[in-house]
Amino acid sequence: VVLPGRMFRLEFERRGLPPRLLSRTLGDSGIVTAPLVPWNS
C-alpha cells in the first residue's frame, strides 16, 4: 500500500485525479489481495 501510494501519488496529482481515487485503487489491490498470497504476512 505504502510504496505504490508514493509511486503514483504525484502522477495522480499531475492528471488532476482526486487522492481518494488512488486510495480506493490501493485498497482494491494492495489490501484485499494480501491474504491470497501464502508467503505474505
Full PDB file with SEQRES, HELIX, SHEET, SSBOND, CRYST1, ORIGX, SCALE, CONECT and MASTER records, all heavy atoms in Angstrom:
SEQRES   1 A   41  VAL VAL LEU PRO GLY ARG MET PHE ARG LEU GLU PHE GLU          
SEQRES   2 A   41  ARG ARG GLY LEU PRO PRO ARG LEU LEU SER ARG THR LEU          
SEQRES   3 A   41  GLY ASP SER GLY ILE VAL THR ALA PRO LEU VAL PRO TRP          
SEQRES   4 A   41  ASN SER                                                      
HELIX    1 AA1 VAL A    2  ARG A   14  1                                  13    
HELIX    2 AA2 PRO A   19  LEU A   26  1                                   8    
HELIX    3 AA3 GLY A   27  ILE A   31  3                                   5    
HELIX    4 AA4 ALA A   34  LEU A   36  5                                   3    
CRYST1    1.000    1.000    1.000  90.00  90.00  90.00 P 1           1          
ORIGX1      1.000000  0.000000  0.000000        0.00000                         
ORIGX2      0.000000  1.000000  0.000000        0.00000                         
ORIGX3      0.000000  0.000000  1.000000        0.00000                         
SCALE1      1.000000  0.000000  0.000000        0.00000                         
SCALE2      0.000000  1.000000  0.000000        0.00000                         
SCALE3      0.000000  0.000000  1.000000        0.00000                         
ATOM      1  N   VAL A   1       0.825  -1.198   0.000  1.00  0.00           N  
ATOM      2  CA  VAL A   1       0.000   0.000   0.000  1.00  0.00           C  
ATOM      3  C   VAL A   1       0.868   1.260   0.000  1.00  0.00           C  
ATOM      4  O   VAL A   1       0.645   2.190  -0.775  1.00  0.00           O  
ATOM      5  CB  VAL A   1      -0.950   0.009   1.220  1.00  0.00           C  
ATOM      6  CG1 VAL A   1      -1.674   1.338   1.323  1.00  0.00           C  
ATOM      7  CG2 VAL A   1      -1.954  -1.120   1.111  1.00  0.00           C  
ATOM      8  N   VAL A   2       1.886   1.271   0.872  1.00  0.00           N  
ATOM      9  CA  VAL A   2       2.706   2.471   1.038  1.00  0.00           C  
ATOM     10  C   VAL A   2       3.524   2.777  -0.215  1.00  0.00           C  
ATOM     11  O   VAL A   2       3.527   3.916  -0.708  1.00  0.00           O  
ATOM     12  CB  VAL A   2       3.630   2.318   2.262  1.00  0.00           C  
ATOM     13  CG1 VAL A   2       4.603   3.485   2.341  1.00  0.00           C  
ATOM     14  CG2 VAL A   2       2.803   2.253   3.539  1.00  0.00           C  
ATOM     15  N   LEU A   3       4.219   1.790  -0.747  1.00  0.00           N  
ATOM     16  CA  LEU A   3       5.099   2.056  -1.878  1.00  0.00           C  
ATOM     17  C   LEU A   3       4.337   2.450  -3.147  1.00  0.00           C  
ATOM     18  O   LEU A   3       4.662   3.462  -3.776  1.00  0.00           O  
ATOM     19  CB  LEU A   3       6.001   0.852  -2.137  1.00  0.00           C  
ATOM     20  CG  LEU A   3       7.050   0.584  -1.049  1.00  0.00           C  
ATOM     21  CD1 LEU A   3       7.958  -0.555  -1.457  1.00  0.00           C  
ATOM     22  CD2 LEU A   3       7.869   1.831  -0.766  1.00  0.00           C  
ATOM     23  N   PRO A   4       3.305   1.688  -3.573  1.00  0.00           N  
ATOM     24  CA  PRO A   4       2.535   2.167  -4.729  1.00  0.00           C  
ATOM     25  C   PRO A   4       1.882   3.516  -4.480  1.00  0.00           C  
ATOM     26  O   PRO A   4       1.740   4.325  -5.405  1.00  0.00           O  
ATOM     27  CB  PRO A   4       1.480   1.072  -4.931  1.00  0.00           C  
ATOM     28  CG  PRO A   4       2.094  -0.142  -4.351  1.00  0.00           C  
ATOM     29  CD  PRO A   4       2.883   0.334  -3.172  1.00  0.00           C  
ATOM     30  N   GLY A   5       1.479   3.779  -3.231  1.00  0.00           N  
ATOM     31  CA  GLY A   5       0.898   5.091  -2.918  1.00  0.00           C  
ATOM     32  C   GLY A   5       1.885   6.207  -3.186  1.00  0.00           C  
ATOM     33  O   GLY A   5       1.541   7.246  -3.767  1.00  0.00           O  
ATOM     34  N   ARG A   6       3.126   6.024  -2.770  1.00  0.00           N  
ATOM     35  CA  ARG A   6       4.159   7.023  -3.036  1.00  0.00           C  
ATOM     36  C   ARG A   6       4.521   7.070  -4.520  1.00  0.00           C  
ATOM     37  O   ARG A   6       4.831   8.119  -5.067  1.00  0.00           O  
ATOM     38  CB  ARG A   6       5.401   6.723  -2.206  1.00  0.00           C  
ATOM     39  CG  ARG A   6       5.232   7.010  -0.718  1.00  0.00           C  
ATOM     40  CD  ARG A   6       6.541   6.815   0.026  1.00  0.00           C  
ATOM     41  NE  ARG A   6       6.434   7.242   1.397  1.00  0.00           N  
ATOM     42  CZ  ARG A   6       6.626   8.485   1.806  1.00  0.00           C  
ATOM     43  NH1 ARG A   6       6.922   9.424   0.930  1.00  0.00           N  
ATOM     44  NH2 ARG A   6       6.526   8.797   3.089  1.00  0.00           N  
ATOM     45  N   MET A   7       4.481   5.924  -5.165  1.00  0.00           N  
ATOM     46  CA  MET A   7       4.869   5.852  -6.569  1.00  0.00           C  
ATOM     47  C   MET A   7       3.896   6.601  -7.467  1.00  0.00           C  
ATOM     48  O   MET A   7       4.300   7.275  -8.414  1.00  0.00           O  
ATOM     49  CB  MET A   7       4.955   4.387  -7.013  1.00  0.00           C  
ATOM     50  CG  MET A   7       6.124   3.612  -6.429  1.00  0.00           C  
ATOM     51  SD  MET A   7       5.988   1.824  -6.683  1.00  0.00           S  
ATOM     52  CE  MET A   7       5.925   1.723  -8.470  1.00  0.00           C  
ATOM     53  N   PHE A   8       2.596   6.490  -7.180  1.00  0.00           N  
ATOM     54  CA  PHE A   8       1.581   7.031  -8.084  1.00  0.00           C  
ATOM     55  C   PHE A   8       0.952   8.333  -7.606  1.00  0.00           C  
ATOM     56  O   PHE A   8       0.151   8.924  -8.325  1.00  0.00           O  
ATOM     57  CB  PHE A   8       0.479   5.986  -8.301  1.00  0.00           C  
ATOM     58  CG  PHE A   8       0.913   4.824  -9.141  1.00  0.00           C  
ATOM     59  CD1 PHE A   8       1.369   3.653  -8.546  1.00  0.00           C  
ATOM     60  CD2 PHE A   8       0.872   4.890 -10.525  1.00  0.00           C  
ATOM     61  CE1 PHE A   8       1.776   2.582  -9.308  1.00  0.00           C  
ATOM     62  CE2 PHE A   8       1.276   3.823 -11.298  1.00  0.00           C  
ATOM     63  CZ  PHE A   8       1.736   2.661 -10.690  1.00  0.00           C  
ATOM     64  N   ARG A   9       1.296   8.766  -6.400  1.00  0.00           N  
ATOM     65  CA  ARG A   9       0.649   9.970  -5.843  1.00  0.00           C  
ATOM     66  C   ARG A   9       0.867  11.188  -6.743  1.00  0.00           C  
ATOM     67  O   ARG A   9      -0.088  11.892  -7.101  1.00  0.00           O  
ATOM     68  CB  ARG A   9       1.192  10.256  -4.452  1.00  0.00           C  
ATOM     69  CG  ARG A   9       0.656  11.533  -3.817  1.00  0.00           C  
ATOM     70  CD  ARG A   9       1.150  11.671  -2.395  1.00  0.00           C  
ATOM     71  NE  ARG A   9       2.597  11.656  -2.322  1.00  0.00           N  
ATOM     72  CZ  ARG A   9       3.367  12.745  -2.500  1.00  0.00           C  
ATOM     73  NH1 ARG A   9       2.794  13.911  -2.760  1.00  0.00           N  
ATOM     74  NH2 ARG A   9       4.672  12.668  -2.416  1.00  0.00           N  
ATOM     75  N   LEU A  10       2.103  11.448  -7.121  1.00  0.00           N  
ATOM     76  CA  LEU A  10       2.388  12.627  -7.929  1.00  0.00           C  
ATOM     77  C   LEU A  10       1.756  12.525  -9.313  1.00  0.00           C  
ATOM     78  O   LEU A  10       1.284  13.529  -9.864  1.00  0.00           O  
ATOM     79  CB  LEU A  10       3.899  12.821  -8.047  1.00  0.00           C  
ATOM     80  CG  LEU A  10       4.632  13.171  -6.745  1.00  0.00           C  
ATOM     81  CD1 LEU A  10       6.132  13.299  -7.001  1.00  0.00           C  
ATOM     82  CD2 LEU A  10       4.083  14.451  -6.151  1.00  0.00           C  
ATOM     83  N   GLU A  11       1.732  11.324  -9.866  1.00  0.00           N  
ATOM     84  CA  GLU A  11       1.147  11.154 -11.195  1.00  0.00           C  
ATOM     85  C   GLU A  11      -0.358  11.394 -11.163  1.00  0.00           C  
ATOM     86  O   GLU A  11      -0.926  12.008 -12.072  1.00  0.00           O  
ATOM     87  CB  GLU A  11       1.446   9.759 -11.739  1.00  0.00           C  
ATOM     88  CG  GLU A  11       0.973   9.528 -13.165  1.00  0.00           C  
ATOM     89  CD  GLU A  11       1.604  10.491 -14.154  1.00  0.00           C  
ATOM     90  OE1 GLU A  11       2.721  10.970 -13.905  1.00  0.00           O  
ATOM     91  OE2 GLU A  11       0.951  10.778 -15.177  1.00  0.00           O  
ATOM     92  N   PHE A  12      -1.026  10.934 -10.125  1.00  0.00           N  
ATOM     93  CA  PHE A  12      -2.459  11.204  -9.979  1.00  0.00           C  
ATOM     94  C   PHE A  12      -2.695  12.700  -9.833  1.00  0.00           C  
ATOM     95  O   PHE A  12      -3.661  13.244 -10.378  1.00  0.00           O  
ATOM     96  CB  PHE A  12      -3.018  10.447  -8.768  1.00  0.00           C  
ATOM     97  CG  PHE A  12      -3.513   9.064  -9.097  1.00  0.00           C  
ATOM     98  CD1 PHE A  12      -2.648   8.096  -9.567  1.00  0.00           C  
ATOM     99  CD2 PHE A  12      -4.850   8.734  -8.937  1.00  0.00           C  
ATOM    100  CE1 PHE A  12      -3.097   6.816  -9.866  1.00  0.00           C  
ATOM    101  CE2 PHE A  12      -5.321   7.467  -9.235  1.00  0.00           C  
ATOM    102  CZ  PHE A  12      -4.435   6.501  -9.705  1.00  0.00           C  
ATOM    103  N   GLU A  13      -1.818  13.390  -9.092  1.00  0.00           N  
ATOM    104  CA  GLU A  13      -1.957  14.835  -8.929  1.00  0.00           C  
ATOM    105  C   GLU A  13      -1.748  15.548 -10.260  1.00  0.00           C  
ATOM    106  O   GLU A  13      -2.477  16.494 -10.589  1.00  0.00           O  
ATOM    107  CB  GLU A  13      -0.955  15.339  -7.891  1.00  0.00           C  
ATOM    108  CG  GLU A  13      -1.272  14.923  -6.468  1.00  0.00           C  
ATOM    109  CD  GLU A  13      -0.232  15.430  -5.489  1.00  0.00           C  
ATOM    110  OE1 GLU A  13       0.760  16.065  -5.934  1.00  0.00           O  
ATOM    111  OE2 GLU A  13      -0.393  15.198  -4.271  1.00  0.00           O  
ATOM    112  N   ARG A  14      -0.758  15.129 -11.032  1.00  0.00           N  
ATOM    113  CA  ARG A  14      -0.481  15.766 -12.328  1.00  0.00           C  
ATOM    114  C   ARG A  14      -1.672  15.649 -13.273  1.00  0.00           C  
ATOM    115  O   ARG A  14      -1.930  16.538 -14.082  1.00  0.00           O  
ATOM    116  CB  ARG A  14       0.750  15.131 -12.981  1.00  0.00           C  
ATOM    117  CG  ARG A  14       2.074  15.442 -12.303  1.00  0.00           C  
ATOM    118  CD  ARG A  14       3.239  15.021 -13.179  1.00  0.00           C  
ATOM    119  NE  ARG A  14       4.501  15.094 -12.473  1.00  0.00           N  
ATOM    120  CZ  ARG A  14       5.144  14.055 -11.963  1.00  0.00           C  
ATOM    121  NH1 ARG A  14       4.616  12.844 -12.111  1.00  0.00           N  
ATOM    122  NH2 ARG A  14       6.280  14.194 -11.340  1.00  0.00           N  
ATOM    123  N   ARG A  15      -2.378  14.540 -13.153  1.00  0.00           N  
ATOM    124  CA  ARG A  15      -3.505  14.311 -14.058  1.00  0.00           C  
ATOM    125  C   ARG A  15      -4.824  14.837 -13.492  1.00  0.00           C  
ATOM    126  O   ARG A  15      -5.868  14.644 -14.093  1.00  0.00           O  
ATOM    127  CB  ARG A  15      -3.626  12.815 -14.361  1.00  0.00           C  
ATOM    128  CG  ARG A  15      -2.387  12.244 -15.034  1.00  0.00           C  
ATOM    129  CD  ARG A  15      -2.626  10.860 -15.559  1.00  0.00           C  
ATOM    130  NE  ARG A  15      -1.435  10.313 -16.185  1.00  0.00           N  
ATOM    131  CZ  ARG A  15      -1.445   9.439 -17.171  1.00  0.00           C  
ATOM    132  NH1 ARG A  15      -2.599   9.026 -17.655  1.00  0.00           N  
ATOM    133  NH2 ARG A  15      -0.325   8.965 -17.672  1.00  0.00           N  
ATOM    134  N   GLY A  16      -4.765  15.484 -12.358  1.00  0.00           N  
ATOM    135  CA  GLY A  16      -5.966  16.075 -11.779  1.00  0.00           C  
ATOM    136  C   GLY A  16      -6.934  15.076 -11.200  1.00  0.00           C  
ATOM    137  O   GLY A  16      -8.128  15.356 -11.072  1.00  0.00           O  
ATOM    138  N   LEU A  17      -6.442  13.909 -10.821  1.00  0.00           N  
ATOM    139  CA  LEU A  17      -7.293  12.870 -10.243  1.00  0.00           C  
ATOM    140  C   LEU A  17      -7.305  13.011  -8.719  1.00  0.00           C  
ATOM    141  O   LEU A  17      -6.277  13.279  -8.106  1.00  0.00           O  
ATOM    142  CB  LEU A  17      -6.778  11.488 -10.637  1.00  0.00           C  
ATOM    143  CG  LEU A  17      -6.775  11.196 -12.142  1.00  0.00           C  
ATOM    144  CD1 LEU A  17      -6.088   9.869 -12.414  1.00  0.00           C  
ATOM    145  CD2 LEU A  17      -8.189  11.194 -12.697  1.00  0.00           C  
ATOM    146  N   PRO A  18      -8.460  12.839  -8.078  1.00  0.00           N  
ATOM    147  CA  PRO A  18      -8.562  13.046  -6.623  1.00  0.00           C  
ATOM    148  C   PRO A  18      -7.768  11.996  -5.852  1.00  0.00           C  
ATOM    149  O   PRO A  18      -7.691  10.831  -6.270  1.00  0.00           O  
ATOM    150  CB  PRO A  18     -10.063  12.919  -6.349  1.00  0.00           C  
ATOM    151  CG  PRO A  18     -10.587  12.093  -7.483  1.00  0.00           C  
ATOM    152  CD  PRO A  18      -9.749  12.451  -8.679  1.00  0.00           C  
ATOM    153  N   PRO A  19      -7.192  12.363  -4.711  1.00  0.00           N  
ATOM    154  CA  PRO A  19      -6.427  11.406  -3.896  1.00  0.00           C  
ATOM    155  C   PRO A  19      -7.263  10.206  -3.457  1.00  0.00           C  
ATOM    156  O   PRO A  19      -6.731   9.104  -3.309  1.00  0.00           O  
ATOM    157  CB  PRO A  19      -5.980  12.242  -2.690  1.00  0.00           C  
ATOM    158  CG  PRO A  19      -6.020  13.662  -3.159  1.00  0.00           C  
ATOM    159  CD  PRO A  19      -7.147  13.724  -4.149  1.00  0.00           C  
ATOM    160  N   ARG A  20      -8.567  10.413  -3.238  1.00  0.00           N  
ATOM    161  CA  ARG A  20      -9.410   9.297  -2.794  1.00  0.00           C  
ATOM    162  C   ARG A  20      -9.494   8.201  -3.857  1.00  0.00           C  
ATOM    163  O   ARG A  20      -9.733   7.035  -3.523  1.00  0.00           O  
ATOM    164  CB  ARG A  20     -10.797   9.794  -2.423  1.00  0.00           C  
ATOM    165  CG  ARG A  20     -11.596  10.377  -3.562  1.00  0.00           C  
ATOM    166  CD  ARG A  20     -12.987  10.806  -3.086  1.00  0.00           C  
ATOM    167  NE  ARG A  20     -13.768  11.392  -4.153  1.00  0.00           N  
ATOM    168  CZ  ARG A  20     -13.736  12.657  -4.510  1.00  0.00           C  
ATOM    169  NH1 ARG A  20     -12.940  13.494  -3.851  1.00  0.00           N  
ATOM    170  NH2 ARG A  20     -14.475  13.122  -5.500  1.00  0.00           N  
ATOM    171  N   LEU A  21      -9.303   8.566  -5.125  1.00  0.00           N  
ATOM    172  CA  LEU A  21      -9.320   7.561  -6.176  1.00  0.00           C  
ATOM    173  C   LEU A  21      -8.100   6.655  -6.056  1.00  0.00           C  
ATOM    174  O   LEU A  21      -8.204   5.433  -6.209  1.00  0.00           O  
ATOM    175  CB  LEU A  21      -9.341   8.234  -7.551  1.00  0.00           C  
ATOM    176  CG  LEU A  21      -9.336   7.299  -8.765  1.00  0.00           C  
ATOM    177  CD1 LEU A  21     -10.548   6.382  -8.736  1.00  0.00           C  
ATOM    178  CD2 LEU A  21      -9.306   8.098 -10.060  1.00  0.00           C  
ATOM    179  N   LEU A  22      -6.943   7.241  -5.767  1.00  0.00           N  
ATOM    180  CA  LEU A  22      -5.739   6.440  -5.542  1.00  0.00           C  
ATOM    181  C   LEU A  22      -5.897   5.573  -4.304  1.00  0.00           C  
ATOM    182  O   LEU A  22      -5.518   4.398  -4.308  1.00  0.00           O  
ATOM    183  CB  LEU A  22      -4.524   7.355  -5.409  1.00  0.00           C  
ATOM    184  CG  LEU A  22      -3.194   6.667  -5.066  1.00  0.00           C  
ATOM    185  CD1 LEU A  22      -2.831   5.630  -6.116  1.00  0.00           C  
ATOM    186  CD2 LEU A  22      -2.077   7.700  -4.921  1.00  0.00           C  
ATOM    187  N   SER A  23      -6.473   6.146  -3.236  1.00  0.00           N  
ATOM    188  CA  SER A  23      -6.678   5.386  -2.010  1.00  0.00           C  
ATOM    189  C   SER A  23      -7.582   4.182  -2.271  1.00  0.00           C  
ATOM    190  O   SER A  23      -7.301   3.066  -1.803  1.00  0.00           O  
ATOM    191  CB  SER A  23      -7.288   6.295  -0.938  1.00  0.00           C  
ATOM    192  OG  SER A  23      -7.596   5.574   0.227  1.00  0.00           O  
ATOM    193  N   ARG A  24      -8.649   4.397  -3.016  1.00  0.00           N  
ATOM    194  CA  ARG A  24      -9.577   3.302  -3.311  1.00  0.00           C  
ATOM    195  C   ARG A  24      -8.895   2.248  -4.196  1.00  0.00           C  
ATOM    196  O   ARG A  24      -9.079   1.043  -4.002  1.00  0.00           O  
ATOM    197  CB  ARG A  24     -10.816   3.856  -4.018  1.00  0.00           C  
ATOM    198  CG  ARG A  24     -11.828   2.800  -4.430  1.00  0.00           C  
ATOM    199  CD  ARG A  24     -12.325   2.006  -3.220  1.00  0.00           C  
ATOM    200  NE  ARG A  24     -13.191   0.912  -3.608  1.00  0.00           N  
ATOM    201  CZ  ARG A  24     -14.511   1.013  -3.680  1.00  0.00           C  
ATOM    202  NH1 ARG A  24     -15.102   2.150  -3.388  1.00  0.00           N  
ATOM    203  NH2 ARG A  24     -15.245  -0.029  -4.014  1.00  0.00           N  
ATOM    204  N   THR A  25      -8.091   2.680  -5.139  1.00  0.00           N  
ATOM    205  CA  THR A  25      -7.390   1.749  -6.014  1.00  0.00           C  
ATOM    206  C   THR A  25      -6.418   0.883  -5.219  1.00  0.00           C  
ATOM    207  O   THR A  25      -6.328  -0.333  -5.437  1.00  0.00           O  
ATOM    208  CB  THR A  25      -6.629   2.522  -7.104  1.00  0.00           C  
ATOM    209  OG1 THR A  25      -7.548   3.318  -7.864  1.00  0.00           O  
ATOM    210  CG2 THR A  25      -5.907   1.573  -8.041  1.00  0.00           C  
ATOM    211  N   LEU A  26      -5.683   1.499  -4.287  1.00  0.00           N  
ATOM    212  CA  LEU A  26      -4.748   0.740  -3.459  1.00  0.00           C  
ATOM    213  C   LEU A  26      -5.496  -0.230  -2.541  1.00  0.00           C  
ATOM    214  O   LEU A  26      -5.030  -1.346  -2.294  1.00  0.00           O  
ATOM    215  CB  LEU A  26      -3.889   1.696  -2.628  1.00  0.00           C  
ATOM    216  CG  LEU A  26      -2.965   2.617  -3.417  1.00  0.00           C  
ATOM    217  CD1 LEU A  26      -2.261   3.587  -2.480  1.00  0.00           C  
ATOM    218  CD2 LEU A  26      -1.957   1.816  -4.216  1.00  0.00           C  
ATOM    219  N   GLY A  27      -6.654   0.204  -2.051  1.00  0.00           N  
ATOM    220  CA  GLY A  27      -7.446  -0.683  -1.212  1.00  0.00           C  
ATOM    221  C   GLY A  27      -7.962  -1.885  -1.978  1.00  0.00           C  
ATOM    222  O   GLY A  27      -8.025  -3.004  -1.448  1.00  0.00           O  
ATOM    223  N   ASP A  28      -8.337  -1.663  -3.234  1.00  0.00           N  
ATOM    224  CA  ASP A  28      -8.882  -2.740  -4.060  1.00  0.00           C  
ATOM    225  C   ASP A  28      -7.811  -3.684  -4.596  1.00  0.00           C  
ATOM    226  O   ASP A  28      -8.145  -4.694  -5.224  1.00  0.00           O  
ATOM    227  CB  ASP A  28      -9.653  -2.151  -5.245  1.00  0.00           C  
ATOM    228  CG  ASP A  28     -10.969  -1.524  -4.818  1.00  0.00           C  
ATOM    229  OD1 ASP A  28     -11.407  -1.799  -3.692  1.00  0.00           O  
ATOM    230  OD2 ASP A  28     -11.545  -0.738  -5.594  1.00  0.00           O  
ATOM    231  N   SER A  29      -6.543  -3.356  -4.387  1.00  0.00           N  
ATOM    232  CA  SER A  29      -5.461  -4.210  -4.900  1.00  0.00           C  
ATOM    233  C   SER A  29      -4.504  -4.627  -3.791  1.00  0.00           C  
ATOM    234  O   SER A  29      -4.411  -5.804  -3.448  1.00  0.00           O  
ATOM    235  CB  SER A  29      -4.691  -3.482  -6.008  1.00  0.00           C  
ATOM    236  OG  SER A  29      -4.158  -2.244  -5.541  1.00  0.00           O  
ATOM    237  N   GLY A  30      -3.822  -3.652  -3.193  1.00  0.00           N  
ATOM    238  CA  GLY A  30      -2.810  -3.988  -2.205  1.00  0.00           C  
ATOM    239  C   GLY A  30      -3.360  -4.570  -0.922  1.00  0.00           C  
ATOM    240  O   GLY A  30      -2.696  -5.378  -0.266  1.00  0.00           O  
ATOM    241  N   ILE A  31      -4.579  -4.193  -0.542  1.00  0.00           N  
ATOM    242  CA  ILE A  31      -5.142  -4.672   0.727  1.00  0.00           C  
ATOM    243  C   ILE A  31      -5.858  -6.010   0.563  1.00  0.00           C  
ATOM    244  O   ILE A  31      -5.563  -6.978   1.270  1.00  0.00           O  
ATOM    245  CB  ILE A  31      -6.102  -3.628   1.319  1.00  0.00           C  
ATOM    246  CG1 ILE A  31      -5.323  -2.372   1.730  1.00  0.00           C  
ATOM    247  CG2 ILE A  31      -6.846  -4.198   2.516  1.00  0.00           C  
ATOM    248  CD1 ILE A  31      -6.176  -1.269   2.298  1.00  0.00           C  
ATOM    249  N   VAL A  32      -6.803  -6.077  -0.366  1.00  0.00           N  
ATOM    250  CA  VAL A  32      -7.663  -7.268  -0.422  1.00  0.00           C  
ATOM    251  C   VAL A  32      -6.962  -8.494  -0.992  1.00  0.00           C  
ATOM    252  O   VAL A  32      -7.415  -9.627  -0.758  1.00  0.00           O  
ATOM    253  CB  VAL A  32      -8.946  -6.971  -1.236  1.00  0.00           C  
ATOM    254  CG1 VAL A  32      -9.726  -5.829  -0.625  1.00  0.00           C  
ATOM    255  CG2 VAL A  32      -8.619  -6.675  -2.693  1.00  0.00           C  
ATOM    256  N   THR A  33      -5.879  -8.315  -1.740  1.00  0.00           N  
ATOM    257  CA  THR A  33      -5.204  -9.487  -2.307  1.00  0.00           C  
ATOM    258  C   THR A  33      -4.115 -10.041  -1.405  1.00  0.00           C  
ATOM    259  O   THR A  33      -3.591 -11.122  -1.670  1.00  0.00           O  
ATOM    260  CB  THR A  33      -4.592  -9.153  -3.682  1.00  0.00           C  
ATOM    261  OG1 THR A  33      -3.620  -8.092  -3.533  1.00  0.00           O  
ATOM    262  CG2 THR A  33      -5.669  -8.700  -4.666  1.00  0.00           C  
ATOM    263  N   ALA A  34      -3.773  -9.320  -0.324  1.00  0.00           N  
ATOM    264  CA  ALA A  34      -2.706  -9.792   0.564  1.00  0.00           C  
ATOM    265  C   ALA A  34      -3.000 -11.162   1.175  1.00  0.00           C  
ATOM    266  O   ALA A  34      -2.110 -12.017   1.242  1.00  0.00           O  
ATOM    267  CB  ALA A  34      -2.451  -8.758   1.663  1.00  0.00           C  
ATOM    268  N   PRO A  35      -4.240 -11.445   1.631  1.00  0.00           N  
ATOM    269  CA  PRO A  35      -4.497 -12.772   2.228  1.00  0.00           C  
ATOM    270  C   PRO A  35      -4.438 -13.921   1.238  1.00  0.00           C  
ATOM    271  O   PRO A  35      -4.455 -15.086   1.650  1.00  0.00           O  
ATOM    272  CB  PRO A  35      -5.922 -12.627   2.795  1.00  0.00           C  
ATOM    273  CG  PRO A  35      -6.158 -11.160   2.910  1.00  0.00           C  
ATOM    274  CD  PRO A  35      -5.398 -10.553   1.781  1.00  0.00           C  
ATOM    275  N   LEU A  36      -4.374 -13.621  -0.057  1.00  0.00           N  
ATOM    276  CA  LEU A  36      -4.360 -14.677  -1.061  1.00  0.00           C  
ATOM    277  C   LEU A  36      -2.963 -15.180  -1.366  1.00  0.00           C  
ATOM    278  O   LEU A  36      -2.806 -16.188  -2.064  1.00  0.00           O  
ATOM    279  CB  LEU A  36      -5.019 -14.171  -2.357  1.00  0.00           C  
ATOM    280  CG  LEU A  36      -6.440 -13.607  -2.220  1.00  0.00           C  
ATOM    281  CD1 LEU A  36      -6.952 -13.168  -3.583  1.00  0.00           C  
ATOM    282  CD2 LEU A  36      -7.374 -14.624  -1.582  1.00  0.00           C  
ATOM    283  N   VAL A  37      -1.947 -14.483  -0.882  1.00  0.00           N  
ATOM    284  CA  VAL A  37      -0.548 -14.858  -1.145  1.00  0.00           C  
ATOM    285  C   VAL A  37      -0.032 -15.652   0.050  1.00  0.00           C  
ATOM    286  O   VAL A  37       0.077 -15.111   1.155  1.00  0.00           O  
ATOM    287  CB  VAL A  37       0.322 -13.608  -1.371  1.00  0.00           C  
ATOM    288  CG1 VAL A  37       1.758 -14.008  -1.683  1.00  0.00           C  
ATOM    289  CG2 VAL A  37      -0.262 -12.761  -2.507  1.00  0.00           C  
ATOM    290  N   PRO A  38       0.296 -16.934  -0.117  1.00  0.00           N  
ATOM    291  CA  PRO A  38       0.656 -17.783   1.029  1.00  0.00           C  
ATOM    292  C   PRO A  38       1.847 -17.261   1.828  1.00  0.00           C  
ATOM    293  O   PRO A  38       1.882 -17.400   3.050  1.00  0.00           O  
ATOM    294  CB  PRO A  38       0.970 -19.139   0.385  1.00  0.00           C  
ATOM    295  CG  PRO A  38       0.229 -19.124  -0.915  1.00  0.00           C  
ATOM    296  CD  PRO A  38       0.257 -17.699  -1.380  1.00  0.00           C  
ATOM    297  N   TRP A  39       2.849 -16.682   1.140  1.00  0.00           N  
ATOM    298  CA  TRP A  39       4.045 -16.217   1.845  1.00  0.00           C  
ATOM    299  C   TRP A  39       3.942 -14.758   2.300  1.00  0.00           C  
ATOM    300  O   TRP A  39       4.864 -14.227   2.893  1.00  0.00           O  
ATOM    301  CB  TRP A  39       5.276 -16.388   0.956  1.00  0.00           C  
ATOM    302  CG  TRP A  39       5.131 -15.759  -0.393  1.00  0.00           C  
ATOM    303  CD1 TRP A  39       5.395 -14.466  -0.746  1.00  0.00           C  
ATOM    304  CD2 TRP A  39       4.672 -16.408  -1.580  1.00  0.00           C  
ATOM    305  NE1 TRP A  39       5.143 -14.254  -2.070  1.00  0.00           N  
ATOM    306  CE2 TRP A  39       4.705 -15.435  -2.619  1.00  0.00           C  
ATOM    307  CE3 TRP A  39       4.266 -17.710  -1.890  1.00  0.00           C  
ATOM    308  CZ2 TRP A  39       4.327 -15.726  -3.925  1.00  0.00           C  
ATOM    309  CZ3 TRP A  39       3.894 -17.994  -3.190  1.00  0.00           C  
ATOM    310  CH2 TRP A  39       3.923 -17.023  -4.181  1.00  0.00           C  
ATOM    311  N   ASN A  40       2.799 -14.126   2.025  1.00  0.00           N  
ATOM    312  CA  ASN A  40       2.562 -12.784   2.545  1.00  0.00           C  
ATOM    313  C   ASN A  40       2.212 -12.883   4.031  1.00  0.00           C  
ATOM    314  O   ASN A  40       1.639 -13.868   4.478  1.00  0.00           O  
ATOM    315  CB  ASN A  40       1.409 -12.140   1.765  1.00  0.00           C  
ATOM    316  CG  ASN A  40       1.240 -10.665   2.073  1.00  0.00           C  
ATOM    317  OD1 ASN A  40       0.787 -10.301   3.143  1.00  0.00           O  
ATOM    318  ND2 ASN A  40       1.596  -9.820   1.121  1.00  0.00           N  
ATOM    319  N   SER A  41       2.566 -11.853   4.805  1.00  0.00           N  
ATOM    320  CA  SER A  41       2.279 -11.905   6.245  1.00  0.00           C  
ATOM    321  C   SER A  41       0.781 -12.070   6.508  1.00  0.00           C  
ATOM    322  O   SER A  41       0.383 -12.770   7.449  1.00  0.00           O  
ATOM    323  CB  SER A  41       2.803 -10.637   6.926  1.00  0.00           C  
ATOM    324  OG  SER A  41       2.228  -9.470   6.358  1.00  0.00           O  
TER     325      SER A  41                                                      
MASTER        0    0    0    4    0    0    0    6  324    1    0    4          
END                                                                             
